[in-house]
Amino acid sequence: MSESQFVAKLAEAIEKLQRPAIPLSVDLWDIATIAQYLKRDPQVVRERMACLPSFPRAIRLPTKSGRAQPLYNAKEVIAWVQSHQEKS
């Protein structure tokens, strides 16, 4: 097998393993994902941003042992971020 054939097979295998993208209009983000989007540490997002009254409200899905970690509607987080853009 040539190097180019190997690379093509590897790319095909990686493509099969990737999950389909979830549209932002329905995606739910955890604190780690929000932190990555904001280029901040998750602890900063959790302790300094998510607690702000203007930050989108958390979604907490029920679990057998109580409530799961907070999730946030991606489009609401993006809208919140854009609402803080400086005006010229």
PDB file of N, CA and C in Angstrom:
ATOM      1  N   MET A   1       0.858  -1.178   0.000  1.00  0.00           N
ATOM      2  CA  MET A   1       0.000   0.000   0.000  1.00  0.00           C
ATOM      3  C   MET A   1       0.901   1.237   0.000  1.00  0.00           C
ATOM      4  N   SER A   2       0.626   2.147  -0.895  1.00  0.00           N
ATOM      5  CA  SER A   2       1.429   3.369  -0.980  1.00  0.00           C
ATOM      6  C   SER A   2       1.047   4.328   0.146  1.00  0.00           C
ATOM      7  N   GLU A   3       1.889   5.305   0.355  1.00  0.00           N
ATOM      8  CA  GLU A   3       1.635   6.295   1.406  1.00  0.00           C
ATOM      9  C   GLU A   3       0.347   7.060   1.130  1.00  0.00           C
ATOM     10  N   SER A   4       0.101   7.426  -0.103  1.00  0.00           N
ATOM     11  CA  SER A   4      -1.114   8.177  -0.437  1.00  0.00           C
ATOM     12  C   SER A   4      -2.367   7.322  -0.239  1.00  0.00           C
ATOM     13  N   GLN A   5      -2.282   6.029  -0.531  1.00  0.00           N
ATOM     14  CA  GLN A   5      -3.420   5.139  -0.287  1.00  0.00           C
ATOM     15  C   GLN A   5      -3.681   5.003   1.206  1.00  0.00           C
ATOM     16  N   PHE A   6      -2.600   4.898   1.982  1.00  0.00           N
ATOM     17  CA  PHE A   6      -2.734   4.798   3.427  1.00  0.00           C
ATOM     18  C   PHE A   6      -3.398   6.049   3.999  1.00  0.00           C
ATOM     19  N   VAL A   7      -2.948   7.213   3.544  1.00  0.00           N
ATOM     20  CA  VAL A   7      -3.524   8.481   4.011  1.00  0.00           C
ATOM     21  C   VAL A   7      -4.999   8.560   3.633  1.00  0.00           C
ATOM     22  N   ALA A   8      -5.345   8.142   2.450  1.00  0.00           N
ATOM     23  CA  ALA A   8      -6.744   8.165   2.019  1.00  0.00           C
ATOM     24  C   ALA A   8      -7.598   7.237   2.872  1.00  0.00           C
ATOM     25  N   LYS A   9      -7.106   6.046   3.168  1.00  0.00           N
ATOM     26  CA  LYS A   9      -7.854   5.106   4.026  1.00  0.00           C
ATOM     27  C   LYS A   9      -7.987   5.646   5.444  1.00  0.00           C
ATOM     28  N   LEU A  10      -6.919   6.259   5.946  1.00  0.00           N
ATOM     29  CA  LEU A  10      -6.956   6.842   7.285  1.00  0.00           C
ATOM     30  C   LEU A  10      -7.973   7.980   7.349  1.00  0.00           C
ATOM     31  N   ALA A  11      -7.983   8.838   6.353  1.00  0.00           N
ATOM     32  CA  ALA A  11      -8.946   9.942   6.302  1.00  0.00           C
ATOM     33  C   ALA A  11     -10.372   9.410   6.250  1.00  0.00           C
ATOM     34  N   GLU A  12     -10.594   8.345   5.498  1.00  0.00           N
ATOM     35  CA  GLU A  12     -11.924   7.727   5.401  1.00  0.00           C
ATOM     36  C   GLU A  12     -12.356   7.170   6.759  1.00  0.00           C
ATOM     37  N   ALA A  13     -11.435   6.519   7.459  1.00  0.00           N
ATOM     38  CA  ALA A  13     -11.749   5.951   8.772  1.00  0.00           C
ATOM     39  C   ALA A  13     -12.068   7.050   9.778  1.00  0.00           C
ATOM     40  N   ILE A  14     -11.311   8.128   9.752  1.00  0.00           N
ATOM     41  CA  ILE A  14     -11.560   9.250  10.668  1.00  0.00           C
ATOM     42  C   ILE A  14     -12.917   9.866  10.385  1.00  0.00           C
ATOM     43  N   GLU A  15     -13.255  10.018   9.118  1.00  0.00           N
ATOM     44  CA  GLU A  15     -14.541  10.591   8.740  1.00  0.00           C
ATOM     45  C   GLU A  15     -15.702   9.754   9.273  1.00  0.00           C
ATOM     46  N   LYS A  16     -15.567   8.444   9.248  1.00  0.00           N
ATOM     47  CA  LYS A  16     -16.619   7.556   9.746  1.00  0.00           C
ATOM     48  C   LYS A  16     -16.794   7.680  11.256  1.00  0.00           C
ATOM     49  N   LEU A  17     -15.716   8.002  11.970  1.00  0.00           N
ATOM     50  CA  LEU A  17     -15.767   8.089  13.424  1.00  0.00           C
ATOM     51  C   LEU A  17     -16.323   9.411  13.933  1.00  0.00           C
ATOM     52  N   GLN A  18     -16.292  10.431  13.105  1.00  0.00           N
ATOM     53  CA  GLN A  18     -16.752  11.738  13.547  1.00  0.00           C
ATOM     54  C   GLN A  18     -18.264  11.745  13.726  1.00  0.00           C
ATOM     55  N   ARG A  19     -18.687  12.416  14.796  1.00  0.00           N
ATOM     56  CA  ARG A  19     -20.119  12.553  15.047  1.00  0.00           C
ATOM     57  C   ARG A  19     -20.687  13.639  14.148  1.00  0.00           C
ATOM     58  N   PRO A  20     -21.936  13.502  13.740  1.00  0.00           N
ATOM     59  CA  PRO A  20     -22.527  14.565  12.937  1.00  0.00           C
ATOM     60  C   PRO A  20     -22.667  15.843  13.774  1.00  0.00           C
ATOM     61  N   ALA A  21     -22.501  16.961  13.122  1.00  0.00           N
ATOM     62  CA  ALA A  21     -22.613  18.248  13.821  1.00  0.00           C
ATOM     63  C   ALA A  21     -24.059  18.477  14.253  1.00  0.00           C
ATOM     64  N   ILE A  22     -24.220  18.985  15.460  1.00  0.00           N
ATOM     65  CA  ILE A  22     -25.543  19.339  15.966  1.00  0.00           C
ATOM     66  C   ILE A  22     -25.750  20.818  15.667  1.00  0.00           C
ATOM     67  N   PRO A  23     -26.861  21.194  15.075  1.00  0.00           N
ATOM     68  CA  PRO A  23     -27.084  22.612  14.774  1.00  0.00           C
ATOM     69  C   PRO A  23     -27.054  23.461  16.045  1.00  0.00           C
ATOM     70  N   LEU A  24     -26.440  24.635  15.963  1.00  0.00           N
ATOM     71  CA  LEU A  24     -26.350  25.514  17.132  1.00  0.00           C
ATOM     72  C   LEU A  24     -27.719  25.888  17.678  1.00  0.00           C
ATOM     73  N   SER A  25     -28.720  25.868  16.851  1.00  0.00           N
ATOM     74  CA  SER A  25     -30.059  26.251  17.307  1.00  0.00           C
ATOM     75  C   SER A  25     -30.635  25.279  18.328  1.00  0.00           C
ATOM     76  N   VAL A  26     -30.096  24.054  18.385  1.00  0.00           N
ATOM     77  CA  VAL A  26     -30.599  23.068  19.344  1.00  0.00           C
ATOM     78  C   VAL A  26     -29.500  22.455  20.220  1.00  0.00           C
ATOM     79  N   ASP A  27     -28.248  22.818  19.968  1.00  0.00           N
ATOM     80  CA  ASP A  27     -27.142  22.227  20.717  1.00  0.00           C
ATOM     81  C   ASP A  27     -27.137  22.723  22.159  1.00  0.00           C
ATOM     82  N   LEU A  28     -26.712  21.864  23.068  1.00  0.00           N
ATOM     83  CA  LEU A  28     -26.543  22.216  24.469  1.00  0.00           C
ATOM     84  C   LEU A  28     -25.062  22.164  24.805  1.00  0.00           C
ATOM     85  N   TRP A  29     -24.563  23.203  25.455  1.00  0.00           N
ATOM     86  CA  TRP A  29     -23.151  23.293  25.805  1.00  0.00           C
ATOM     87  C   TRP A  29     -22.978  23.164  27.306  1.00  0.00           C
ATOM     88  N   ASP A  30     -21.920  22.476  27.713  1.00  0.00           N
ATOM     89  CA  ASP A  30     -21.549  22.447  29.121  1.00  0.00           C
ATOM     90  C   ASP A  30     -20.553  23.581  29.376  1.00  0.00           C
ATOM     91  N   ILE A  31     -20.166  23.738  30.626  1.00  0.00           N
ATOM     92  CA  ILE A  31     -19.245  24.815  30.999  1.00  0.00           C
ATOM     93  C   ILE A  31     -17.929  24.709  30.237  1.00  0.00           C
ATOM     94  N   ALA A  32     -17.419  23.504  30.054  1.00  0.00           N
ATOM     95  CA  ALA A  32     -16.148  23.322  29.347  1.00  0.00           C
ATOM     96  C   ALA A  32     -16.247  23.795  27.899  1.00  0.00           C
ATOM     97  N   THR A  33     -17.356  23.519  27.243  1.00  0.00           N
ATOM     98  CA  THR A  33     -17.542  23.943  25.857  1.00  0.00           C
ATOM     99  C   THR A  33     -17.681  25.458  25.778  1.00  0.00           C
ATOM    100  N   ILE A  34     -18.416  26.034  26.710  1.00  0.00           N
ATOM    101  CA  ILE A  34     -18.558  27.495  26.752  1.00  0.00           C
ATOM    102  C   ILE A  34     -17.189  28.135  26.988  1.00  0.00           C
ATOM    103  N   ALA A  35     -16.419  27.565  27.891  1.00  0.00           N
ATOM    104  CA  ALA A  35     -15.083  28.095  28.177  1.00  0.00           C
ATOM    105  C   ALA A  35     -14.208  28.054  26.932  1.00  0.00           C
ATOM    106  N   GLN A  36     -14.292  26.979  26.189  1.00  0.00           N
ATOM    107  CA  GLN A  36     -13.516  26.867  24.955  1.00  0.00           C
ATOM    108  C   GLN A  36     -13.962  27.933  23.955  1.00  0.00           C
ATOM    109  N   TYR A  37     -15.263  28.136  23.827  1.00  0.00           N
ATOM    110  CA  TYR A  37     -15.811  29.141  22.913  1.00  0.00           C
ATOM    111  C   TYR A  37     -15.347  30.548  23.311  1.00  0.00           C
ATOM    112  N   LEU A  38     -15.334  30.817  24.619  1.00  0.00           N
ATOM    113  CA  LEU A  38     -14.958  32.139  25.114  1.00  0.00           C
ATOM    114  C   LEU A  38     -13.458  32.318  25.300  1.00  0.00           C
ATOM    115  N   LYS A  39     -12.704  31.242  25.079  1.00  0.00           N
ATOM    116  CA  LYS A  39     -11.255  31.266  25.285  1.00  0.00           C
ATOM    117  C   LYS A  39     -10.921  31.678  26.729  1.00  0.00           C
ATOM    118  N   ARG A  40     -11.615  31.034  27.648  1.00  0.00           N
ATOM    119  CA  ARG A  40     -11.437  31.265  29.077  1.00  0.00           C
ATOM    120  C   ARG A  40     -11.294  29.925  29.782  1.00  0.00           C
ATOM    121  N   ASP A  41     -10.846  29.947  31.003  1.00  0.00           N
ATOM    122  CA  ASP A  41     -10.751  28.760  31.832  1.00  0.00           C
ATOM    123  C   ASP A  41     -12.161  28.384  32.292  1.00  0.00           C
ATOM    124  N   PRO A  42     -12.491  27.091  32.340  1.00  0.00           N
ATOM    125  CA  PRO A  42     -13.832  26.699  32.805  1.00  0.00           C
ATOM    126  C   PRO A  42     -14.185  27.253  34.190  1.00  0.00           C
ATOM    127  N   GLN A  43     -13.211  27.345  35.062  1.00  0.00           N
ATOM    128  CA  GLN A  43     -13.474  27.878  36.404  1.00  0.00           C
ATOM    129  C   GLN A  43     -13.898  29.350  36.336  1.00  0.00           C
ATOM    130  N   VAL A  44     -13.297  30.108  35.431  1.00  0.00           N
ATOM    131  CA  VAL A  44     -13.676  31.513  35.250  1.00  0.00           C
ATOM    132  C   VAL A  44     -15.114  31.608  34.762  1.00  0.00           C
ATOM    133  N   VAL A  45     -15.477  30.767  33.807  1.00  0.00           N
ATOM    134  CA  VAL A  45     -16.846  30.779  33.289  1.00  0.00           C
ATOM    135  C   VAL A  45     -17.825  30.415  34.399  1.00  0.00           C
ATOM    136  N   ARG A  46     -17.512  29.367  35.141  1.00  0.00           N
ATOM    137  CA  ARG A  46     -18.404  28.885  36.208  1.00  0.00           C
ATOM    138  C   ARG A  46     -18.564  29.923  37.322  1.00  0.00           C
ATOM    139  N   GLU A  47     -17.452  30.521  37.755  1.00  0.00           N
ATOM    140  CA  GLU A  47     -17.483  31.382  38.938  1.00  0.00           C
ATOM    141  C   GLU A  47     -17.740  32.852  38.649  1.00  0.00           C
ATOM    142  N   ARG A  48     -17.453  33.309  37.425  1.00  0.00           N
ATOM    143  CA  ARG A  48     -17.565  34.741  37.154  1.00  0.00           C
ATOM    144  C   ARG A  48     -18.582  35.107  36.081  1.00  0.00           C
ATOM    145  N   MET A  49     -18.954  34.156  35.252  1.00  0.00           N
ATOM    146  CA  MET A  49     -19.879  34.483  34.159  1.00  0.00           C
ATOM    147  C   MET A  49     -21.231  33.811  34.314  1.00  0.00           C
ATOM    148  N   ALA A  50     -21.242  32.508  34.530  1.00  0.00           N
ATOM    149  CA  ALA A  50     -22.503  31.767  34.598  1.00  0.00           C
ATOM    150  C   ALA A  50     -23.381  32.227  35.755  1.00  0.00           C
ATOM    151  N   CYS A  51     -22.781  32.862  36.739  1.00  0.00           N
ATOM    152  CA  CYS A  51     -23.555  33.328  37.893  1.00  0.00           C
ATOM    153  C   CYS A  51     -24.164  34.716  37.677  1.00  0.00           C
ATOM    154  N   LEU A  52     -23.816  35.380  36.590  1.00  0.00           N
ATOM    155  CA  LEU A  52     -24.367  36.706  36.313  1.00  0.00           C
ATOM    156  C   LEU A  52     -25.858  36.597  35.989  1.00  0.00           C
ATOM    157  N   PRO A  53     -26.656  37.562  36.471  1.00  0.00           N
ATOM    158  CA  PRO A  53     -28.096  37.509  36.191  1.00  0.00           C
ATOM    159  C   PRO A  53     -28.430  37.542  34.700  1.00  0.00           C
ATOM    160  N   SER A  54     -27.572  38.160  33.900  1.00  0.00           N
ATOM    161  CA  SER A  54     -27.845  38.272  32.465  1.00  0.00           C
ATOM    162  C   SER A  54     -27.428  37.031  31.677  1.00  0.00           C
ATOM    163  N   PHE A  55     -26.656  36.128  32.304  1.00  0.00           N
ATOM    164  CA  PHE A  55     -26.199  34.923  31.605  1.00  0.00           C
ATOM    165  C   PHE A  55     -27.388  33.994  31.381  1.00  0.00           C
ATOM    166  N   PRO A  56     -27.419  33.284  30.257  1.00  0.00           N
ATOM    167  CA  PRO A  56     -28.552  32.368  30.012  1.00  0.00           C
ATOM    168  C   PRO A  56     -28.767  31.383  31.163  1.00  0.00           C
ATOM    169  N   ARG A  57     -30.012  31.057  31.370  1.00  0.00           N
ATOM    170  CA  ARG A  57     -30.371  30.131  32.451  1.00  0.00           C
ATOM    171  C   ARG A  57     -29.934  28.717  32.103  1.00  0.00           C
ATOM    172  N   ALA A  58     -29.500  27.997  33.120  1.00  0.00           N
ATOM    173  CA  ALA A  58     -29.042  26.620  32.939  1.00  0.00           C
ATOM    174  C   ALA A  58     -30.217  25.676  32.700  1.00  0.00           C
ATOM    175  N   ILE A  59     -29.926  24.618  31.979  1.00  0.00           N
ATOM    176  CA  ILE A  59     -30.869  23.511  31.788  1.00  0.00           C
ATOM    177  C   ILE A  59     -30.298  22.354  32.581  1.00  0.00           C
ATOM    178  N   ARG A  60     -31.071  21.844  33.514  1.00  0.00           N
ATOM    179  CA  ARG A  60     -30.603  20.723  34.344  1.00  0.00           C
ATOM    180  C   ARG A  60     -31.549  19.545  34.127  1.00  0.00           C
ATOM    181  N   LEU A  61     -31.035  18.561  33.417  1.00  0.00           N
ATOM    182  CA  LEU A  61     -31.843  17.386  33.123  1.00  0.00           C
ATOM    183  C   LEU A  61     -31.889  16.467  34.340  1.00  0.00           C
ATOM    184  N   PRO A  62     -33.048  15.845  34.588  1.00  0.00           N
ATOM    185  CA  PRO A  62     -33.139  14.947  35.739  1.00  0.00           C
ATOM    186  C   PRO A  62     -32.347  13.662  35.501  1.00  0.00           C
ATOM    187  N   THR A  63     -31.802  13.136  36.581  1.00  0.00           N
ATOM    188  CA  THR A  63     -31.118  11.849  36.538  1.00  0.00           C
ATOM    189  C   THR A  63     -31.605  11.021  37.719  1.00  0.00           C
ATOM    190  N   LYS A  64     -31.256   9.766  37.725  1.00  0.00           N
ATOM    191  CA  LYS A  64     -31.667   8.869  38.805  1.00  0.00           C
ATOM    192  C   LYS A  64     -31.138   9.347  40.155  1.00  0.00           C
ATOM    193  N   SER A  65     -29.928   9.924  40.148  1.00  0.00           N
ATOM    194  CA  SER A  65     -29.301  10.340  41.409  1.00  0.00           C
ATOM    195  C   SER A  65     -29.477  11.823  41.696  1.00  0.00           C
ATOM    196  N   GLY A  66     -30.363  12.509  40.998  1.00  0.00           N
ATOM    197  CA  GLY A  66     -30.571  13.933  41.254  1.00  0.00           C
ATOM    198  C   GLY A  66     -30.544  14.714  39.959  1.00  0.00           C
ATOM    199  N   ARG A  67     -29.796  15.801  39.969  1.00  0.00           N
ATOM    200  CA  ARG A  67     -29.724  16.644  38.778  1.00  0.00           C
ATOM    201  C   ARG A  67     -28.342  16.542  38.149  1.00  0.00           C
ATOM    202  N   ALA A  68     -28.334  16.568  36.836  1.00  0.00           N
ATOM    203  CA  ALA A  68     -27.078  16.477  36.098  1.00  0.00           C
ATOM    204  C   ALA A  68     -26.392  17.839  36.062  1.00  0.00           C
ATOM    205  N   GLN A  69     -25.196  17.863  35.496  1.00  0.00           N
ATOM    206  CA  GLN A  69     -24.461  19.116  35.356  1.00  0.00           C
ATOM    207  C   GLN A  69     -25.277  20.106  34.541  1.00  0.00           C
ATOM    208  N   PRO A  70     -25.062  21.397  34.764  1.00  0.00           N
ATOM    209  CA  PRO A  70     -25.827  22.379  34.000  1.00  0.00           C
ATOM    210  C   PRO A  70     -25.405  22.386  32.534  1.00  0.00           C
ATOM    211  N   LEU A  71     -26.386  22.545  31.684  1.00  0.00           N
ATOM    212  CA  LEU A  71     -26.174  22.695  30.247  1.00  0.00           C
ATOM    213  C   LEU A  71     -26.810  24.011  29.831  1.00  0.00           C
ATOM    214  N   TYR A  72     -26.320  24.565  28.744  1.00  0.00           N
ATOM    215  CA  TYR A  72     -26.801  25.864  28.294  1.00  0.00           C
ATOM    216  C   TYR A  72     -27.096  25.800  26.804  1.00  0.00           C
ATOM    217  N   ASN A  73     -28.168  26.464  26.405  1.00  0.00           N
ATOM    218  CA  ASN A  73     -28.532  26.515  25.000  1.00  0.00           C
ATOM    219  C   ASN A  73     -27.457  27.309  24.258  1.00  0.00           C
ATOM    220  N   ALA A  74     -26.834  26.693  23.269  1.00  0.00           N
ATOM    221  CA  ALA A  74     -25.711  27.300  22.551  1.00  0.00           C
ATOM    222  C   ALA A  74     -26.093  28.640  21.926  1.00  0.00           C
ATOM    223  N   LYS A  75     -27.259  28.700  21.295  1.00  0.00           N
ATOM    224  CA  LYS A  75     -27.640  29.953  20.626  1.00  0.00           C
ATOM    225  C   LYS A  75     -27.854  31.076  21.643  1.00  0.00           C
ATOM    226  N   GLU A  76     -28.314  30.747  22.857  1.00  0.00           N
ATOM    227  CA  GLU A  76     -28.498  31.760  23.885  1.00  0.00           C
ATOM    228  C   GLU A  76     -27.153  32.272  24.396  1.00  0.00           C
ATOM    229  N   VAL A  77     -26.185  31.371  24.532  1.00  0.00           N
ATOM    230  CA  VAL A  77     -24.844  31.781  24.964  1.00  0.00           C
ATOM    231  C   VAL A  77     -24.226  32.692  23.910  1.00  0.00           C
ATOM    232  N   ILE A  78     -24.346  32.326  22.646  1.00  0.00           N
ATOM    233  CA  ILE A  78     -23.789  33.143  21.573  1.00  0.00           C
ATOM    234  C   ILE A  78     -24.454  34.520  21.556  1.00  0.00           C
ATOM    235  N   ALA A  79     -25.764  34.564  21.717  1.00  0.00           N
ATOM    236  CA  ALA A  79     -26.487  35.842  21.747  1.00  0.00           C
ATOM    237  C   ALA A  79     -26.032  36.689  22.931  1.00  0.00           C
ATOM    238  N   TRP A  80     -25.804  36.051  24.084  1.00  0.00           N
ATOM    239  CA  TRP A  80     -25.332  36.768  25.274  1.00  0.00           C
ATOM    240  C   TRP A  80     -23.969  37.384  25.003  1.00  0.00           C
ATOM    241  N   VAL A  81     -23.081  36.611  24.397  1.00  0.00           N
ATOM    242  CA  VAL A  81     -21.739  37.115  24.071  1.00  0.00           C
ATOM    243  C   VAL A  81     -21.848  38.298  23.108  1.00  0.00           C
ATOM    244  N   GLN A  82     -22.653  38.147  22.078  1.00  0.00           N
ATOM    245  CA  GLN A  82     -22.782  39.219  21.079  1.00  0.00           C
ATOM    246  C   GLN A  82     -23.416  40.479  21.657  1.00  0.00           C
ATOM    247  N   SER A  83     -24.216  40.322  22.696  1.00  0.00           N
ATOM    248  CA  SER A  83     -24.842  41.487  23.326  1.00  0.00           C
ATOM    249  C   SER A  83     -23.816  42.362  24.060  1.00  0.00           C
ATOM    250  N   HIS A  84     -22.625  41.849  24.262  1.00  0.00           N
ATOM    251  CA  HIS A  84     -21.571  42.597  24.958  1.00  0.00           C
ATOM    252  C   HIS A  84     -20.538  43.186  24.010  1.00  0.00           C
ATOM    253  N   GLN A  85     -20.850  43.167  22.726  1.00  0.00           N
ATOM    254  CA  GLN A  85     -19.946  43.772  21.746  1.00  0.00           C
ATOM    255  C   GLN A  85     -19.977  45.292  21.905  1.00  0.00           C
ATOM    256  N   GLU A  86     -18.802  45.882  21.898  1.00  0.00           N
ATOM    257  CA  GLU A  86     -18.703  47.333  22.042  1.00  0.00           C
ATOM    258  C   GLU A  86     -19.362  48.026  20.871  1.00  0.00           C
ATOM    259  N   LYS A  87     -20.027  49.117  21.178  1.00  0.00           N
ATOM    260  CA  LYS A  87     -20.657  49.928  20.146  1.00  0.00           C
ATOM    261  C   LYS A  87     -19.649  50.979  19.699  1.00  0.00           C
ATOM    262  N   SER A  88     -19.670  51.305  18.421  1.00  0.00           N
ATOM    263  CA  SER A  88     -18.702  52.309  17.938  1.00  0.00           C
ATOM    264  C   SER A  88     -19.276  53.701  17.976  1.00  0.00           C
TER     265      SER A  88
END
